[in-house]
Amino acid sequence: MKKIFFHYVSYIAVIYLLSLAIPTVSVYNSFSLLFVGVVLLLVNLLLKPLLLLVTLPLNILTLGLFNFVVNAWTIMIADHFVSGIAMGGFLNSLLAAFLISLLKQLLDDKK
């Protein structure tokens, strides 16, 4: 339960910080920000394993770097379902995926 809450908070924090730093990433209200965290959790729990299985050959060829593309796709899917968030395209989603991975890695090392 604690791990799921940690993922939820990291999604929200990175998207909020990106909305402050990048003008093309927009968060229109706080409810949308909280809702996109829930949608990202659901997409990562339900769709991400299937996406990783389908893209396994590309993931092997790129030595795991294609995971960032899959993570960006999950962020773009969540962006599609939440109307109060605008990520501004694939590159912003890719940057968000990289920052989420970095934040999780940094905080997992602190345990």
PDB file of N, CA and C in Angstrom:
ATOM      1  N   MET A   1       0.824  -1.187   0.000  1.00  0.00           N
ATOM      2  CA  MET A   1       0.000   0.000   0.000  1.00  0.00           C
ATOM      3  C   MET A   1       0.872   1.257   0.000  1.00  0.00           C
ATOM      4  N   LYS A   2       1.959   1.183   0.763  1.00  0.00           N
ATOM      5  CA  LYS A   2       2.866   2.315   0.834  1.00  0.00           C
ATOM      6  C   LYS A   2       3.553   2.557  -0.510  1.00  0.00           C
ATOM      7  N   LYS A   3       3.865   1.481  -1.219  1.00  0.00           N
ATOM      8  CA  LYS A   3       4.517   1.589  -2.517  1.00  0.00           C
ATOM      9  C   LYS A   3       3.587   2.224  -3.552  1.00  0.00           C
ATOM     10  N   ILE A   4       2.323   1.855  -3.522  1.00  0.00           N
ATOM     11  CA  ILE A   4       1.350   2.440  -4.455  1.00  0.00           C
ATOM     12  C   ILE A   4       1.185   3.922  -4.167  1.00  0.00           C
ATOM     13  N   PHE A   5       1.113   4.299  -2.894  1.00  0.00           N
ATOM     14  CA  PHE A   5       1.002   5.706  -2.536  1.00  0.00           C
ATOM     15  C   PHE A   5       2.243   6.480  -2.968  1.00  0.00           C
ATOM     16  N   PHE A   6       3.407   5.857  -2.848  1.00  0.00           N
ATOM     17  CA  PHE A   6       4.648   6.492  -3.281  1.00  0.00           C
ATOM     18  C   PHE A   6       4.635   6.753  -4.787  1.00  0.00           C
ATOM     19  N   HIS A   7       4.171   5.777  -5.559  1.00  0.00           N
ATOM     20  CA  HIS A   7       4.064   5.960  -7.011  1.00  0.00           C
ATOM     21  C   HIS A   7       3.087   7.092  -7.331  1.00  0.00           C
ATOM     22  N   TYR A   8       1.957   7.108  -6.650  1.00  0.00           N
ATOM     23  CA  TYR A   8       0.944   8.137  -6.868  1.00  0.00           C
ATOM     24  C   TYR A   8       1.514   9.532  -6.606  1.00  0.00           C
ATOM     25  N   VAL A   9       2.199   9.692  -5.505  1.00  0.00           N
ATOM     26  CA  VAL A   9       2.773  10.999  -5.152  1.00  0.00           C
ATOM     27  C   VAL A   9       3.868  11.391  -6.143  1.00  0.00           C
ATOM     28  N   SER A  10       4.663  10.434  -6.594  1.00  0.00           N
ATOM     29  CA  SER A  10       5.726  10.772  -7.547  1.00  0.00           C
ATOM     30  C   SER A  10       5.138  11.208  -8.888  1.00  0.00           C
ATOM     31  N   TYR A  11       4.061  10.569  -9.341  1.00  0.00           N
ATOM     32  CA  TYR A  11       3.412  10.988 -10.584  1.00  0.00           C
ATOM     33  C   TYR A  11       2.900  12.418 -10.467  1.00  0.00           C
ATOM     34  N   ILE A  12       2.231  12.695  -9.380  1.00  0.00           N
ATOM     35  CA  ILE A  12       1.659  14.027  -9.186  1.00  0.00           C
ATOM     36  C   ILE A  12       2.760  15.077  -9.081  1.00  0.00           C
ATOM     37  N   ALA A  13       3.805  14.782  -8.320  1.00  0.00           N
ATOM     38  CA  ALA A  13       4.878  15.755  -8.121  1.00  0.00           C
ATOM     39  C   ALA A  13       5.590  16.085  -9.426  1.00  0.00           C
ATOM     40  N   VAL A  14       5.906  15.074 -10.226  1.00  0.00           N
ATOM     41  CA  VAL A  14       6.633  15.325 -11.472  1.00  0.00           C
ATOM     42  C   VAL A  14       5.773  16.093 -12.461  1.00  0.00           C
ATOM     43  N   ILE A  15       4.506  15.748 -12.585  1.00  0.00           N
ATOM     44  CA  ILE A  15       3.646  16.467 -13.530  1.00  0.00           C
ATOM     45  C   ILE A  15       3.445  17.909 -13.076  1.00  0.00           C
ATOM     46  N   TYR A  16       3.300  18.125 -11.778  1.00  0.00           N
ATOM     47  CA  TYR A  16       3.155  19.494 -11.284  1.00  0.00           C
ATOM     48  C   TYR A  16       4.431  20.310 -11.521  1.00  0.00           C
ATOM     49  N   LEU A  17       5.588  19.725 -11.240  1.00  0.00           N
ATOM     50  CA  LEU A  17       6.847  20.445 -11.457  1.00  0.00           C
ATOM     51  C   LEU A  17       7.090  20.721 -12.937  1.00  0.00           C
ATOM     52  N   LEU A  18       6.709  19.780 -13.790  1.00  0.00           N
ATOM     53  CA  LEU A  18       6.836  20.021 -15.230  1.00  0.00           C
ATOM     54  C   LEU A  18       5.908  21.139 -15.689  1.00  0.00           C
ATOM     55  N   SER A  19       4.718  21.221 -15.093  1.00  0.00           N
ATOM     56  CA  SER A  19       3.804  22.301 -15.479  1.00  0.00           C
ATOM     57  C   SER A  19       4.341  23.663 -15.071  1.00  0.00           C
ATOM     58  N   LEU A  20       5.160  23.693 -14.027  1.00  0.00           N
ATOM     59  CA  LEU A  20       5.784  24.960 -13.627  1.00  0.00           C
ATOM     60  C   LEU A  20       6.981  25.305 -14.505  1.00  0.00           C
ATOM     61  N   ALA A  21       7.706  24.285 -14.972  1.00  0.00           N
ATOM     62  CA  ALA A  21       8.952  24.527 -15.698  1.00  0.00           C
ATOM     63  C   ALA A  21       8.776  24.636 -17.208  1.00  0.00           C
ATOM     64  N   ILE A  22       7.824  23.922 -17.776  1.00  0.00           N
ATOM     65  CA  ILE A  22       7.661  23.884 -19.228  1.00  0.00           C
ATOM     66  C   ILE A  22       6.319  24.515 -19.584  1.00  0.00           C
ATOM     67  N   PRO A  23       6.325  25.524 -20.431  1.00  0.00           N
ATOM     68  CA  PRO A  23       5.061  26.215 -20.739  1.00  0.00           C
ATOM     69  C   PRO A  23       4.045  25.371 -21.510  1.00  0.00           C
ATOM     70  N   THR A  24       4.476  24.334 -22.225  1.00  0.00           N
ATOM     71  CA  THR A  24       3.518  23.531 -22.984  1.00  0.00           C
ATOM     72  C   THR A  24       2.821  22.467 -22.140  1.00  0.00           C
ATOM     73  N   VAL A  25       3.302  22.233 -20.926  1.00  0.00           N
ATOM     74  CA  VAL A  25       2.627  21.311 -20.006  1.00  0.00           C
ATOM     75  C   VAL A  25       1.702  22.142 -19.137  1.00  0.00           C
ATOM     76  N   SER A  26       0.403  21.833 -19.198  1.00  0.00           N
ATOM     77  CA  SER A  26      -0.585  22.633 -18.467  1.00  0.00           C
ATOM     78  C   SER A  26      -1.402  21.765 -17.527  1.00  0.00           C
ATOM     79  N   VAL A  27      -1.597  22.269 -16.322  1.00  0.00           N
ATOM     80  CA  VAL A  27      -2.505  21.665 -15.356  1.00  0.00           C
ATOM     81  C   VAL A  27      -3.548  22.726 -15.050  1.00  0.00           C
ATOM     82  N   TYR A  28      -4.806  22.437 -15.397  1.00  0.00           N
ATOM     83  CA  TYR A  28      -5.841  23.449 -15.295  1.00  0.00           C
ATOM     84  C   TYR A  28      -6.444  23.565 -13.907  1.00  0.00           C
ATOM     85  N   ASN A  29      -6.487  22.482 -13.136  1.00  0.00           N
ATOM     86  CA  ASN A  29      -6.963  22.567 -11.756  1.00  0.00           C
ATOM     87  C   ASN A  29      -6.366  21.419 -10.940  1.00  0.00           C
ATOM     88  N   SER A  30      -6.486  21.529  -9.636  1.00  0.00           N
ATOM     89  CA  SER A  30      -5.844  20.543  -8.766  1.00  0.00           C
ATOM     90  C   SER A  30      -6.562  19.196  -8.809  1.00  0.00           C
ATOM     91  N   PHE A  31      -7.864  19.187  -9.058  1.00  0.00           N
ATOM     92  CA  PHE A  31      -8.573  17.923  -9.172  1.00  0.00           C
ATOM     93  C   PHE A  31      -8.049  17.110 -10.352  1.00  0.00           C
ATOM     94  N   SER A  32      -7.771  17.788 -11.452  1.00  0.00           N
ATOM     95  CA  SER A  32      -7.231  17.094 -12.624  1.00  0.00           C
ATOM     96  C   SER A  32      -5.866  16.499 -12.315  1.00  0.00           C
ATOM     97  N   LEU A  33      -5.070  17.213 -11.547  1.00  0.00           N
ATOM     98  CA  LEU A  33      -3.752  16.715 -11.166  1.00  0.00           C
ATOM     99  C   LEU A  33      -3.876  15.458 -10.308  1.00  0.00           C
ATOM    100  N   LEU A  34      -4.795  15.471  -9.350  1.00  0.00           N
ATOM    101  CA  LEU A  34      -5.001  14.296  -8.510  1.00  0.00           C
ATOM    102  C   LEU A  34      -5.588  13.135  -9.312  1.00  0.00           C
ATOM    103  N   PHE A  35      -6.480  13.459 -10.251  1.00  0.00           N
ATOM    104  CA  PHE A  35      -7.113  12.419 -11.057  1.00  0.00           C
ATOM    105  C   PHE A  35      -6.135  11.794 -12.040  1.00  0.00           C
ATOM    106  N   VAL A  36      -5.218  12.576 -12.590  1.00  0.00           N
ATOM    107  CA  VAL A  36      -4.241  12.016 -13.519  1.00  0.00           C
ATOM    108  C   VAL A  36      -3.305  11.050 -12.789  1.00  0.00           C
ATOM    109  N   GLY A  37      -3.056  11.279 -11.520  1.00  0.00           N
ATOM    110  CA  GLY A  37      -2.259  10.334 -10.744  1.00  0.00           C
ATOM    111  C   GLY A  37      -2.959   8.985 -10.617  1.00  0.00           C
ATOM    112  N   VAL A  38      -4.270   9.001 -10.385  1.00  0.00           N
ATOM    113  CA  VAL A  38      -5.039   7.763 -10.288  1.00  0.00           C
ATOM    114  C   VAL A  38      -5.074   7.050 -11.644  1.00  0.00           C
ATOM    115  N   VAL A  39      -5.293   7.823 -12.712  1.00  0.00           N
ATOM    116  CA  VAL A  39      -5.339   7.229 -14.051  1.00  0.00           C
ATOM    117  C   VAL A  39      -3.981   6.642 -14.421  1.00  0.00           C
ATOM    118  N   LEU A  40      -2.898   7.335 -14.084  1.00  0.00           N
ATOM    119  CA  LEU A  40      -1.564   6.795 -14.352  1.00  0.00           C
ATOM    120  C   LEU A  40      -1.308   5.499 -13.581  1.00  0.00           C
ATOM    121  N   LEU A  41      -1.768   5.437 -12.343  1.00  0.00           N
ATOM    122  CA  LEU A  41      -1.637   4.200 -11.580  1.00  0.00           C
ATOM    123  C   LEU A  41      -2.368   3.059 -12.275  1.00  0.00           C
ATOM    124  N   LEU A  42      -3.592   3.315 -12.705  1.00  0.00           N
ATOM    125  CA  LEU A  42      -4.380   2.267 -13.360  1.00  0.00           C
ATOM    126  C   LEU A  42      -3.771   1.848 -14.693  1.00  0.00           C
ATOM    127  N   VAL A  43      -3.317   2.822 -15.474  1.00  0.00           N
ATOM    128  CA  VAL A  43      -2.703   2.505 -16.766  1.00  0.00           C
ATOM    129  C   VAL A  43      -1.425   1.704 -16.557  1.00  0.00           C
ATOM    130  N   ASN A  44      -0.627   2.081 -15.557  1.00  0.00           N
ATOM    131  CA  ASN A  44       0.611   1.355 -15.292  1.00  0.00           C
ATOM    132  C   ASN A  44       0.358  -0.048 -14.741  1.00  0.00           C
ATOM    133  N   LEU A  45      -0.729  -0.223 -14.017  1.00  0.00           N
ATOM    134  CA  LEU A  45      -1.038  -1.547 -13.491  1.00  0.00           C
ATOM    135  C   LEU A  45      -1.668  -2.456 -14.539  1.00  0.00           C
ATOM    136  N   LEU A  46      -2.472  -1.900 -15.439  1.00  0.00           N
ATOM    137  CA  LEU A  46      -3.227  -2.722 -16.372  1.00  0.00           C
ATOM    138  C   LEU A  46      -2.604  -2.810 -17.763  1.00  0.00           C
ATOM    139  N   LEU A  47      -2.197  -1.684 -18.337  1.00  0.00           N
ATOM    140  CA  LEU A  47      -1.725  -1.671 -19.719  1.00  0.00           C
ATOM    141  C   LEU A  47      -0.212  -1.802 -19.880  1.00  0.00           C
ATOM    142  N   LYS A  48       0.531  -1.305 -18.930  1.00  0.00           N
ATOM    143  CA  LYS A  48       1.983  -1.294 -19.085  1.00  0.00           C
ATOM    144  C   LYS A  48       2.592  -2.693 -19.227  1.00  0.00           C
ATOM    145  N   PRO A  49       2.147  -3.698 -18.459  1.00  0.00           N
ATOM    146  CA  PRO A  49       2.720  -5.034 -18.686  1.00  0.00           C
ATOM    147  C   PRO A  49       2.459  -5.553 -20.107  1.00  0.00           C
ATOM    148  N   LEU A  50       1.291  -5.276 -20.646  1.00  0.00           N
ATOM    149  CA  LEU A  50       0.991  -5.693 -22.016  1.00  0.00           C
ATOM    150  C   LEU A  50       1.862  -4.948 -23.021  1.00  0.00           C
ATOM    151  N   LEU A  51       2.038  -3.650 -22.816  1.00  0.00           N
ATOM    152  CA  LEU A  51       2.901  -2.869 -23.707  1.00  0.00           C
ATOM    153  C   LEU A  51       4.352  -3.344 -23.641  1.00  0.00           C
ATOM    154  N   LEU A  52       4.816  -3.674 -22.447  1.00  0.00           N
ATOM    155  CA  LEU A  52       6.182  -4.175 -22.310  1.00  0.00           C
ATOM    156  C   LEU A  52       6.356  -5.533 -22.980  1.00  0.00           C
ATOM    157  N   LEU A  53       5.334  -6.361 -22.924  1.00  0.00           N
ATOM    158  CA  LEU A  53       5.410  -7.659 -23.580  1.00  0.00           C
ATOM    159  C   LEU A  53       5.442  -7.512 -25.104  1.00  0.00           C
ATOM    160  N   VAL A  54       4.630  -6.616 -25.630  1.00  0.00           N
ATOM    161  CA  VAL A  54       4.585  -6.405 -27.077  1.00  0.00           C
ATOM    162  C   VAL A  54       5.895  -5.799 -27.586  1.00  0.00           C
ATOM    163  N   THR A  55       6.483  -4.921 -26.810  1.00  0.00           N
ATOM    164  CA  THR A  55       7.703  -4.237 -27.242  1.00  0.00           C
ATOM    165  C   THR A  55       8.970  -4.905 -26.719  1.00  0.00           C
ATOM    166  N   LEU A  56       8.870  -6.144 -26.279  1.00  0.00           N
ATOM    167  CA  LEU A  56      10.029  -6.841 -25.721  1.00  0.00           C
ATOM    168  C   LEU A  56      11.213  -6.930 -26.687  1.00  0.00           C
ATOM    169  N   PRO A  57      11.010  -7.231 -27.967  1.00  0.00           N
ATOM    170  CA  PRO A  57      12.180  -7.268 -28.862  1.00  0.00           C
ATOM    171  C   PRO A  57      12.908  -5.922 -28.974  1.00  0.00           C
ATOM    172  N   LEU A  58      12.147  -4.829 -29.054  1.00  0.00           N
ATOM    173  CA  LEU A  58      12.783  -3.508 -29.095  1.00  0.00           C
ATOM    174  C   LEU A  58      13.484  -3.182 -27.783  1.00  0.00           C
ATOM    175  N   ASN A  59      12.888  -3.630 -26.705  1.00  0.00           N
ATOM    176  CA  ASN A  59      13.484  -3.387 -25.395  1.00  0.00           C
ATOM    177  C   ASN A  59      14.801  -4.146 -25.250  1.00  0.00           C
ATOM    178  N   ILE A  60      14.853  -5.351 -25.782  1.00  0.00           N
ATOM    179  CA  ILE A  60      16.096  -6.124 -25.726  1.00  0.00           C
ATOM    180  C   ILE A  60      17.162  -5.479 -26.614  1.00  0.00           C
ATOM    181  N   LEU A  61      16.756  -5.047 -27.811  1.00  0.00           N
ATOM    182  CA  LEU A  61      17.720  -4.426 -28.728  1.00  0.00           C
ATOM    183  C   LEU A  61      18.308  -3.127 -28.176  1.00  0.00           C
ATOM    184  N   THR A  62      17.507  -2.373 -27.444  1.00  0.00           N
ATOM    185  CA  THR A  62      17.981  -1.092 -26.922  1.00  0.00           C
ATOM    186  C   THR A  62      18.497  -1.198 -25.486  1.00  0.00           C
ATOM    187  N   LEU A  63      18.633  -2.438 -25.006  1.00  0.00           N
ATOM    188  CA  LEU A  63      19.149  -2.696 -23.648  1.00  0.00           C
ATOM    189  C   LEU A  63      18.316  -2.006 -22.567  1.00  0.00           C
ATOM    190  N   GLY A  64      17.002  -1.985 -22.745  1.00  0.00           N
ATOM    191  CA  GLY A  64      16.096  -1.453 -21.741  1.00  0.00           C
ATOM    192  C   GLY A  64      15.741   0.006 -21.891  1.00  0.00           C
ATOM    193  N   LEU A  65      16.367   0.715 -22.809  1.00  0.00           N
ATOM    194  CA  LEU A  65      16.067   2.142 -22.962  1.00  0.00           C
ATOM    195  C   LEU A  65      14.682   2.388 -23.566  1.00  0.00           C
ATOM    196  N   PHE A  66      14.123   1.378 -24.231  1.00  0.00           N
ATOM    197  CA  PHE A  66      12.790   1.545 -24.795  1.00  0.00           C
ATOM    198  C   PHE A  66      11.723   1.615 -23.702  1.00  0.00           C
ATOM    199  N   ASN A  67      12.084   1.267 -22.462  1.00  0.00           N
ATOM    200  CA  ASN A  67      11.156   1.417 -21.339  1.00  0.00           C
ATOM    201  C   ASN A  67      10.710   2.863 -21.179  1.00  0.00           C
ATOM    202  N   PHE A  68      11.595   3.811 -21.468  1.00  0.00           N
ATOM    203  CA  PHE A  68      11.218   5.219 -21.367  1.00  0.00           C
ATOM    204  C   PHE A  68      10.134   5.564 -22.378  1.00  0.00           C
ATOM    205  N   VAL A  69      10.204   4.977 -23.548  1.00  0.00           N
ATOM    206  CA  VAL A  69       9.172   5.219 -24.569  1.00  0.00           C
ATOM    207  C   VAL A  69       7.840   4.622 -24.119  1.00  0.00           C
ATOM    208  N   VAL A  70       7.879   3.431 -23.551  1.00  0.00           N
ATOM    209  CA  VAL A  70       6.647   2.807 -23.043  1.00  0.00           C
ATOM    210  C   VAL A  70       6.074   3.644 -21.906  1.00  0.00           C
ATOM    211  N   ASN A  71       6.922   4.148 -21.027  1.00  0.00           N
ATOM    212  CA  ASN A  71       6.452   5.012 -19.943  1.00  0.00           C
ATOM    213  C   ASN A  71       5.853   6.305 -20.494  1.00  0.00           C
ATOM    214  N   ALA A  72       6.453   6.849 -21.541  1.00  0.00           N
ATOM    215  CA  ALA A  72       5.893   8.053 -22.166  1.00  0.00           C
ATOM    216  C   ALA A  72       4.537   7.755 -22.782  1.00  0.00           C
ATOM    217  N   TRP A  73       4.390   6.563 -23.372  1.00  0.00           N
ATOM    218  CA  TRP A  73       3.087   6.186 -23.928  1.00  0.00           C
ATOM    219  C   TRP A  73       2.030   6.102 -22.831  1.00  0.00           C
ATOM    220  N   THR A  74       2.395   5.560 -21.665  1.00  0.00           N
ATOM    221  CA  THR A  74       1.418   5.469 -20.580  1.00  0.00           C
ATOM    222  C   THR A  74       1.014   6.856 -20.096  1.00  0.00           C
ATOM    223  N   ILE A  75       1.949   7.783 -20.079  1.00  0.00           N
ATOM    224  CA  ILE A  75       1.624   9.157 -19.686  1.00  0.00           C
ATOM    225  C   ILE A  75       0.719   9.807 -20.732  1.00  0.00           C
ATOM    226  N   MET A  76       0.980   9.537 -22.000  1.00  0.00           N
ATOM    227  CA  MET A  76       0.130  10.086 -23.058  1.00  0.00           C
ATOM    228  C   MET A  76      -1.273   9.482 -23.017  1.00  0.00           C
ATOM    229  N   ILE A  77      -1.389   8.203 -22.664  1.00  0.00           N
ATOM    230  CA  ILE A  77      -2.709   7.582 -22.520  1.00  0.00           C
ATOM    231  C   ILE A  77      -3.466   8.227 -21.369  1.00  0.00           C
ATOM    232  N   ALA A  78      -2.800   8.435 -20.246  1.00  0.00           N
ATOM    233  CA  ALA A  78      -3.444   9.095 -19.107  1.00  0.00           C
ATOM    234  C   ALA A  78      -3.825  10.526 -19.458  1.00  0.00           C
ATOM    235  N   ASP A  79      -2.991  11.215 -20.211  1.00  0.00           N
ATOM    236  CA  ASP A  79      -3.289  12.577 -20.660  1.00  0.00           C
ATOM    237  C   ASP A  79      -4.534  12.599 -21.537  1.00  0.00           C
ATOM    238  N   HIS A  80      -4.711  11.567 -22.328  1.00  0.00           N
ATOM    239  CA  HIS A  80      -5.878  11.481 -23.209  1.00  0.00           C
ATOM    240  C   HIS A  80      -7.178  11.344 -22.404  1.00  0.00           C
ATOM    241  N   PHE A  81      -7.129  10.611 -21.292  1.00  0.00           N
ATOM    242  CA  PHE A  81      -8.334  10.364 -20.516  1.00  0.00           C
ATOM    243  C   PHE A  81      -8.672  11.470 -19.525  1.00  0.00           C
ATOM    244  N   VAL A  82      -7.738  12.305 -19.171  1.00  0.00           N
ATOM    245  CA  VAL A  82      -7.982  13.389 -18.208  1.00  0.00           C
ATOM    246  C   VAL A  82      -8.017  14.699 -18.977  1.00  0.00           C
ATOM    247  N   SER A  83      -9.143  15.395 -18.896  1.00  0.00           N
ATOM    248  CA  SER A  83      -9.312  16.600 -19.712  1.00  0.00           C
ATOM    249  C   SER A  83      -8.626  17.833 -19.124  1.00  0.00           C
ATOM    250  N   GLY A  84      -8.276  17.848 -17.863  1.00  0.00           N
ATOM    251  CA  GLY A  84      -7.688  19.029 -17.250  1.00  0.00           C
ATOM    252  C   GLY A  84      -6.177  19.076 -17.298  1.00  0.00           C
ATOM    253  N   ILE A  85      -5.561  18.167 -18.033  1.00  0.00           N
ATOM    254  CA  ILE A  85      -4.109  18.093 -18.160  1.00  0.00           C
ATOM    255  C   ILE A  85      -3.757  18.121 -19.640  1.00  0.00           C
ATOM    256  N   ALA A  86      -2.737  18.891 -19.990  1.00  0.00           N
ATOM    257  CA  ALA A  86      -2.228  18.891 -21.363  1.00  0.00           C
ATOM    258  C   ALA A  86      -0.715  18.735 -21.294  1.00  0.00           C
ATOM    259  N   MET A  87      -0.220  17.594 -21.735  1.00  0.00           N
ATOM    260  CA  MET A  87       1.216  17.326 -21.667  1.00  0.00           C
ATOM    261  C   MET A  87       1.988  17.993 -22.799  1.00  0.00           C
ATOM    262  N   GLY A  88       1.347  18.277 -23.895  1.00  0.00           N
ATOM    263  CA  GLY A  88       2.020  19.006 -24.964  1.00  0.00           C
ATOM    264  C   GLY A  88       2.842  18.146 -25.901  1.00  0.00           C
ATOM    265  N   GLY A  89       2.578  16.845 -25.959  1.00  0.00           N
ATOM    266  CA  GLY A  89       3.256  16.021 -26.947  1.00  0.00           C
ATOM    267  C   GLY A  89       4.135  14.940 -26.363  1.00  0.00           C
ATOM    268  N   PHE A  90       4.766  14.209 -27.286  1.00  0.00           N
ATOM    269  CA  PHE A  90       5.553  13.040 -26.913  1.00  0.00           C
ATOM    270  C   PHE A  90       6.822  13.415 -26.149  1.00  0.00           C
ATOM    271  N   LEU A  91       7.503  14.468 -26.569  1.00  0.00           N
ATOM    272  CA  LEU A  91       8.777  14.807 -25.904  1.00  0.00           C
ATOM    273  C   LEU A  91       8.571  15.220 -24.454  1.00  0.00           C
ATOM    274  N   ASN A  92       7.495  15.946 -24.169  1.00  0.00           N
ATOM    275  CA  ASN A  92       7.212  16.301 -22.781  1.00  0.00           C
ATOM    276  C   ASN A  92       6.843  15.063 -21.963  1.00  0.00           C
ATOM    277  N   SER A  93       6.120  14.133 -22.582  1.00  0.00           N
ATOM    278  CA  SER A  93       5.790  12.879 -21.895  1.00  0.00           C
ATOM    279  C   SER A  93       7.047  12.054 -21.657  1.00  0.00           C
ATOM    280  N   LEU A  94       7.959  12.070 -22.612  1.00  0.00           N
ATOM    281  CA  LEU A  94       9.224  11.349 -22.445  1.00  0.00           C
ATOM    282  C   LEU A  94      10.064  11.968 -21.323  1.00  0.00           C
ATOM    283  N   LEU A  95      10.078  13.290 -21.257  1.00  0.00           N
ATOM    284  CA  LEU A  95      10.781  13.968 -20.169  1.00  0.00           C
ATOM    285  C   LEU A  95      10.142  13.632 -18.821  1.00  0.00           C
ATOM    286  N   ALA A  96       8.812  13.606 -18.769  1.00  0.00           N
ATOM    287  CA  ALA A  96       8.116  13.240 -17.535  1.00  0.00           C
ATOM    288  C   ALA A  96       8.441  11.802 -17.136  1.00  0.00           C
ATOM    289  N   ALA A  97       8.489  10.900 -18.105  1.00  0.00           N
ATOM    290  CA  ALA A  97       8.820   9.503 -17.816  1.00  0.00           C
ATOM    291  C   ALA A  97      10.238   9.394 -17.256  1.00  0.00           C
ATOM    292  N   PHE A  98      11.160  10.137 -17.848  1.00  0.00           N
ATOM    293  CA  PHE A  98      12.541  10.117 -17.354  1.00  0.00           C
ATOM    294  C   PHE A  98      12.622  10.671 -15.932  1.00  0.00           C
ATOM    295  N   LEU A  99      11.933  11.775 -15.663  1.00  0.00           N
ATOM    296  CA  LEU A  99      11.985  12.376 -14.330  1.00  0.00           C
ATOM    297  C   LEU A  99      11.297  11.510 -13.283  1.00  0.00           C
ATOM    298  N   ILE A 100      10.203  10.844 -13.670  1.00  0.00           N
ATOM    299  CA  ILE A 100       9.539   9.937 -12.734  1.00  0.00           C
ATOM    300  C   ILE A 100      10.470   8.781 -12.388  1.00  0.00           C
ATOM    301  N   SER A 101      11.141   8.229 -13.379  1.00  0.00           N
ATOM    302  CA  SER A 101      12.085   7.138 -13.126  1.00  0.00           C
ATOM    303  C   SER A 101      13.241   7.602 -12.250  1.00  0.00           C
ATOM    304  N   LEU A 102      13.738   8.796 -12.517  1.00  0.00           N
ATOM    305  CA  LEU A 102      14.833   9.349 -11.723  1.00  0.00           C
ATOM    306  C   LEU A 102      14.400   9.585 -10.282  1.00  0.00           C
ATOM    307  N   LEU A 103      13.217  10.156 -10.091  1.00  0.00           N
ATOM    308  CA  LEU A 103      12.719  10.418  -8.738  1.00  0.00           C
ATOM    309  C   LEU A 103      12.513   9.114  -7.977  1.00  0.00           C
ATOM    310  N   LYS A 104      11.945   8.109  -8.633  1.00  0.00           N
ATOM    311  CA  LYS A 104      11.755   6.820  -7.965  1.00  0.00           C
ATOM    312  C   LYS A 104      13.090   6.188  -7.589  1.00  0.00           C
ATOM    313  N   GLN A 105      14.062   6.279  -8.482  1.00  0.00           N
ATOM    314  CA  GLN A 105      15.374   5.706  -8.209  1.00  0.00           C
ATOM    315  C   GLN A 105      16.055   6.418  -7.042  1.00  0.00           C
ATOM    316  N   LEU A 106      15.981   7.736  -7.016  1.00  0.00           N
ATOM    317  CA  LEU A 106      16.605   8.494  -5.929  1.00  0.00           C
ATOM    318  C   LEU A 106      15.968   8.197  -4.579  1.00  0.00           C
ATOM    319  N   LEU A 107      14.642   8.121  -4.564  1.00  0.00           N
ATOM    320  CA  LEU A 107      13.956   7.888  -3.302  1.00  0.00           C
ATOM    321  C   LEU A 107      14.029   6.433  -2.862  1.00  0.00           C
ATOM    322  N   ASP A 108      14.147   5.496  -3.807  1.00  0.00           N
ATOM    323  CA  ASP A 108      14.320   4.093  -3.434  1.00  0.00           C
ATOM    324  C   ASP A 108      15.701   3.858  -2.814  1.00  0.00           C
ATOM    325  N   ASP A 109      16.699   4.616  -3.233  1.00  0.00           N
ATOM    326  CA  ASP A 109      18.028   4.476  -2.659  1.00  0.00           C
ATOM    327  C   ASP A 109      18.096   5.010  -1.232  1.00  0.00           C
ATOM    328  N   LYS A 110      17.193   5.900  -0.869  1.00  0.00           N
ATOM    329  CA  LYS A 110      17.198   6.484   0.483  1.00  0.00           C
ATOM    330  C   LYS A 110      16.636   5.542   1.515  1.00  0.00           C
ATOM    331  N   LYS A 111      15.944   4.472   1.104  1.00  0.00           N
ATOM    332  CA  LYS A 111      15.321   3.561   2.062  1.00  0.00           C
ATOM    333  C   LYS A 111      16.319   2.784   2.848  1.00  0.00           C
TER     334      LYS A 111
END
